[in-house]
C-alpha atoms as a PDB file:
ATOM      1  CA  MET A   1      -0.003 158.956  23.354  1.00  0.00           C
ATOM      2  CA  ALA A   2      -3.425 156.445  22.458  1.00  0.00           C
ATOM      3  CA  LYS A   3      -6.055 157.205  25.083  1.00  0.00           C
ATOM      4  CA  GLY A   4      -6.450 152.648  24.656  1.00  0.00           C
ATOM      5  CA  LEU A   5      -2.732 152.717  25.724  1.00  0.00           C
ATOM      6  CA  GLU A   6      -2.834 155.028  28.021  1.00  0.00           C
ATOM      7  CA  LYS A   7      -5.933 152.397  29.810  1.00  0.00           C
ATOM      8  CA  TYR A   8      -3.917 149.196  29.232  1.00  0.00           C
ATOM      9  CA  GLN A   9      -0.861 150.731  30.784  1.00  0.00           C
ATOM     10  CA  GLU A  10      -2.573 151.976  33.667  1.00  0.00           C
ATOM     11  CA  ARG A  11      -4.486 148.326  34.201  1.00  0.00           C
ATOM     12  CA  GLN A  12      -0.687 146.528  33.919  1.00  0.00           C
ATOM     13  CA  ARG A  13      -0.089 148.962  36.598  1.00  0.00           C
ATOM     14  CA  GLN A  14      -2.867 148.223  38.668  1.00  0.00           C
ATOM     15  CA  LEU A  15      -2.612 144.124  38.272  1.00  0.00           C
ATOM     16  CA  SER A  16       1.091 144.244  38.619  1.00  0.00           C
ATOM     17  CA  LEU A  17       0.495 145.213  42.521  1.00  0.00           C
ATOM     18  CA  PHE A  18      -1.695 141.468  43.123  1.00  0.00           C
ATOM     19  CA  GLY A  19       2.048 140.236  42.195  1.00  0.00           C
ATOM     20  CA  LYS A  20       3.054 139.332  45.547  1.00  0.00           C
ATOM     21  CA  ASP A  21       0.306 138.265  46.531  1.00  0.00           C
ATOM     22  CA  LEU A  22      -0.389 135.809  43.486  1.00  0.00           C
ATOM     23  CA  THR A  23       3.287 134.622  43.986  1.00  0.00           C
ATOM     24  CA  ARG A  24       2.797 133.186  47.509  1.00  0.00           C
ATOM     25  CA  ARG A  25      -0.934 132.071  47.030  1.00  0.00           C
ATOM     26  CA  ALA A  26       0.723 129.785  43.433  1.00  0.00           C
ATOM     27  CA  ARG A  27       3.824 129.289  45.513  1.00  0.00           C
ATOM     28  CA  SER A  28       5.925 130.123  41.755  1.00  0.00           C
ATOM     29  CA  CYS A  29       3.927 127.525  39.797  1.00  0.00           C
ATOM     30  CA  CYS A  30       1.149 128.213  37.439  1.00  0.00           C
ATOM     31  CA  GLU A  31      -2.227 127.915  39.253  1.00  0.00           C
ATOM     32  CA  LEU A  32      -3.666 125.395  36.330  1.00  0.00           C
ATOM     33  CA  CYS A  33      -1.018 122.849  35.152  1.00  0.00           C
ATOM     34  CA  GLY A  34       1.406 123.603  38.369  1.00  0.00           C
ATOM     35  CA  THR A  35       4.550 124.318  36.682  1.00  0.00           C
ATOM     36  CA  SER A  36       7.283 125.572  38.010  1.00  0.00           C
ATOM     37  CA  GLY A  37      10.369 127.382  37.285  1.00  0.00           C
ATOM     38  CA  ALA A  38       8.566 129.305  34.087  1.00  0.00           C
ATOM     39  CA  LYS A  39       7.684 132.424  33.028  1.00  0.00           C
ATOM     40  CA  LEU A  40       4.007 133.805  35.419  1.00  0.00           C
ATOM     41  CA  SER A  41       1.530 136.262  33.923  1.00  0.00           C
ATOM     42  CA  ILE A  42      -1.650 137.800  35.520  1.00  0.00           C
ATOM     43  CA  TYR A  43      -4.700 136.045  34.015  1.00  0.00           C
ATOM     44  CA  GLU A  44      -8.113 137.790  34.634  1.00  0.00           C
ATOM     45  CA  LEU A  45     -11.412 135.943  34.913  1.00  0.00           C
ATOM     46  CA  ALA A  46     -13.699 136.899  32.954  1.00  0.00           C
ATOM     47  CA  PRO A  47     -15.809 139.499  32.755  1.00  0.00           C
ATOM     48  CA  VAL A  48     -12.950 142.036  33.623  1.00  0.00           C
ATOM     49  CA  PRO A  49     -14.659 144.408  35.672  1.00  0.00           C
ATOM     50  CA  ASN A  50     -14.121 147.797  35.721  1.00  0.00           C
ATOM     51  CA  GLU A  51     -11.255 147.835  38.623  1.00  0.00           C
ATOM     52  CA  PRO A  52      -9.583 144.928  38.529  1.00  0.00           C
ATOM     53  CA  GLU A  53      -9.734 142.722  41.345  1.00  0.00           C
ATOM     54  CA  PHE A  54      -7.830 139.932  43.317  1.00  0.00           C
ATOM     55  CA  GLU A  55     -10.436 137.400  43.745  1.00  0.00           C
ATOM     56  CA  ARG A  56     -10.564 137.366  39.327  1.00  0.00           C
ATOM     57  CA  CYS A  57      -6.948 137.124  38.710  1.00  0.00           C
ATOM     58  CA  LEU A  58      -5.082 133.796  38.317  1.00  0.00           C
ATOM     59  CA  PHE A  59      -1.049 133.574  37.958  1.00  0.00           C
ATOM     60  CA  LEU A  60      -0.561 131.343  34.802  1.00  0.00           C
ATOM     61  CA  CYS A  61       2.432 130.308  32.502  1.00  0.00           C
ATOM     62  CA  GLU A  62       2.332 131.336  28.880  1.00  0.00           C
ATOM     63  CA  SER A  63       1.108 127.514  28.088  1.00  0.00           C
ATOM     64  CA  CYS A  64      -1.894 128.262  29.699  1.00  0.00           C
ATOM     65  CA  THR A  65      -2.366 131.412  28.600  1.00  0.00           C
ATOM     66  CA  LYS A  66      -1.940 131.272  25.111  1.00  0.00           C
ATOM     67  CA  PRO A  67      -4.832 128.601  24.195  1.00  0.00           C
ATOM     68  CA  LEU A  68      -6.824 130.589  26.725  1.00  0.00           C
ATOM     69  CA  ASN A  69      -6.525 133.982  24.912  1.00  0.00           C
ATOM     70  CA  ASP A  70      -7.393 131.715  21.655  1.00  0.00           C
ATOM     71  CA  PRO A  71      -9.824 128.917  22.542  1.00  0.00           C
ATOM     72  CA  LYS A  72     -10.394 127.700  18.599  1.00  0.00           C
ATOM     73  CA  GLN A  73      -6.027 126.437  19.229  1.00  0.00           C
ATOM     74  CA  LEU A  74      -7.079 124.432  22.609  1.00  0.00           C
ATOM     75  CA  VAL A  75      -5.227 120.770  22.162  1.00  0.00           C
ATOM     76  CA  PRO A  76      -7.558 118.630  24.400  1.00  0.00           C
ATOM     77  CA  ASP A  77      -5.260 116.451  25.587  1.00  0.00           C
ATOM     78  CA  TYR A  78      -3.080 119.145  26.939  1.00  0.00           C
ATOM     79  CA  TRP A  79      -5.364 120.198  30.009  1.00  0.00           C
ATOM     80  CA  ARG A  80      -5.787 116.902  31.692  1.00  0.00           C
ATOM     81  CA  PHE A  81      -3.997 118.116  34.494  1.00  0.00           C
ATOM     82  CA  LEU A  82      -7.199 119.986  35.524  1.00  0.00           C
ATOM     83  CA  CYS A  83      -8.732 116.995  36.868  1.00  0.00           C
ATOM     84  CA  GLU A  84      -6.124 118.666  39.889  1.00  0.00           C
ATOM     85  CA  ALA A  85      -6.990 121.757  39.047  1.00  0.00           C
ATOM     86  CA  ILE A  86     -10.823 121.377  39.725  1.00  0.00           C
ATOM     87  CA  TRP A  87      -9.743 120.199  43.215  1.00  0.00           C
ATOM     88  CA  SER A  88      -8.047 123.875  44.496  1.00  0.00           C
ATOM     89  CA  GLU A  89      -8.530 125.005  46.873  1.00  0.00           C
ATOM     90  CA  THR A  90      -8.734 128.833  45.216  1.00  0.00           C
ATOM     91  CA  PRO A  91     -12.181 129.797  43.768  1.00  0.00           C
ATOM     92  CA  VAL A  92     -10.896 131.398  40.638  1.00  0.00           C
ATOM     93  CA  VAL A  93      -8.863 128.366  39.555  1.00  0.00           C
ATOM     94  CA  GLN A  94     -11.890 126.530  39.959  1.00  0.00           C
ATOM     95  CA  VAL A  95     -14.228 128.805  37.945  1.00  0.00           C
ATOM     96  CA  LEU A  96     -11.886 128.585  35.489  1.00  0.00           C
ATOM     97  CA  ALA A  97     -11.056 124.609  34.898  1.00  0.00           C
ATOM     98  CA  ALA A  98     -14.634 124.132  35.192  1.00  0.00           C
ATOM     99  CA  ARG A  99     -15.032 126.562  32.125  1.00  0.00           C
ATOM    100  CA  ILE A 100     -12.092 124.858  30.100  1.00  0.00           C
ATOM    101  CA  LEU A 101     -13.610 121.465  31.051  1.00  0.00           C
ATOM    102  CA  ASP A 102     -16.911 122.536  30.093  1.00  0.00           C
ATOM    103  CA  HIS A 103     -15.715 123.705  26.662  1.00  0.00           C
ATOM    104  CA  ILE A 104     -13.772 120.258  26.039  1.00  0.00           C
ATOM    105  CA  GLY A 105     -16.654 118.090  27.527  1.00  0.00           C
ATOM    106  CA  ARG A 106     -18.258 119.002  24.512  1.00  0.00           C
ATOM    107  CA  LYS A 107     -16.361 117.159  22.607  1.00  0.00           C
ATOM    108  CA  GLU A 108     -14.092 115.010  24.646  1.00  0.00           C
ATOM    109  CA  THR A 109     -15.958 112.980  27.601  1.00  0.00           C
ATOM    110  CA  TRP A 110     -13.091 112.815  29.625  1.00  0.00           C
ATOM    111  CA  ALA A 111     -13.150 116.290  30.004  1.00  0.00           C
ATOM    112  CA  SER A 112     -17.115 116.097  30.954  1.00  0.00           C
ATOM    113  CA  ASP A 113     -16.290 113.041  33.256  1.00  0.00           C
ATOM    114  CA  ILE A 114     -13.872 115.496  35.841  1.00  0.00           C
ATOM    115  CA  LEU A 115     -16.406 118.204  35.447  1.00  0.00           C
ATOM    116  CA  GLU A 116     -19.890 115.859  36.606  1.00  0.00           C
ATOM    117  CA  GLU A 117     -17.430 114.127  39.329  1.00  0.00           C
ATOM    118  CA  ALA A 118     -16.394 117.286  41.216  1.00  0.00           C
ATOM    119  CA  TYR A 119     -17.838 119.149  43.725  1.00  0.00           C
ATOM    120  CA  LEU A 120     -18.332 122.752  43.157  1.00  0.00           C
ATOM    121  CA  ASP A 121     -19.822 125.047  45.423  1.00  0.00           C
ATOM    122  CA  GLU A 122     -23.066 126.974  44.055  1.00  0.00           C
ATOM    123  CA  GLU A 123     -21.592 130.484  43.707  1.00  0.00           C
ATOM    124  CA  ILE A 124     -18.379 128.097  41.829  1.00  0.00           C
ATOM    125  CA  VAL A 125     -20.774 126.645  39.475  1.00  0.00           C
ATOM    126  CA  ASP A 126     -22.567 130.475  38.828  1.00  0.00           C
ATOM    127  CA  ARG A 127     -19.211 132.151  38.735  1.00  0.00           C
ATOM    128  CA  PHE A 128     -18.090 129.594  35.599  1.00  0.00           C
ATOM    129  CA  LYS A 129     -21.643 129.522  33.811  1.00  0.00           C
ATOM    130  CA  GLU A 130     -21.788 133.506  33.967  1.00  0.00           C
ATOM    131  CA  GLN A 131     -19.166 133.636  31.208  1.00  0.00           C
ATOM    132  CA  PRO A 132     -18.019 130.352  29.075  1.00  0.00           C
ATOM    133  CA  LEU A 133     -14.683 130.288  27.408  1.00  0.00           C
END
């Protein structure tokens, strides 16, 4: 078996250990859009550390995960729900929402307006700026 595949499978195994805690935190809903009843998967906030960290993981639906994996296909109007996600009590959700809004805000004023109106702790601002979408 290829070394890269083994490393990937081991990381996925480590991430799966967060499953119950993520389900509890997310209340079985997508942590960005709030969709319930959809298949959720673990999304790691970049930059990804060597060892998986719970604080850098989110539970997201496929509708949110797919465009994040290919930002060129990101349709701005889909992300209007971020006006609520930016106020999440979960820092990693705020960071990802801020990154997406920052990316969309380059072309869409509604996104930059949401980001400007949001109160973000300095730590959140630093984390969202450490790696753009």
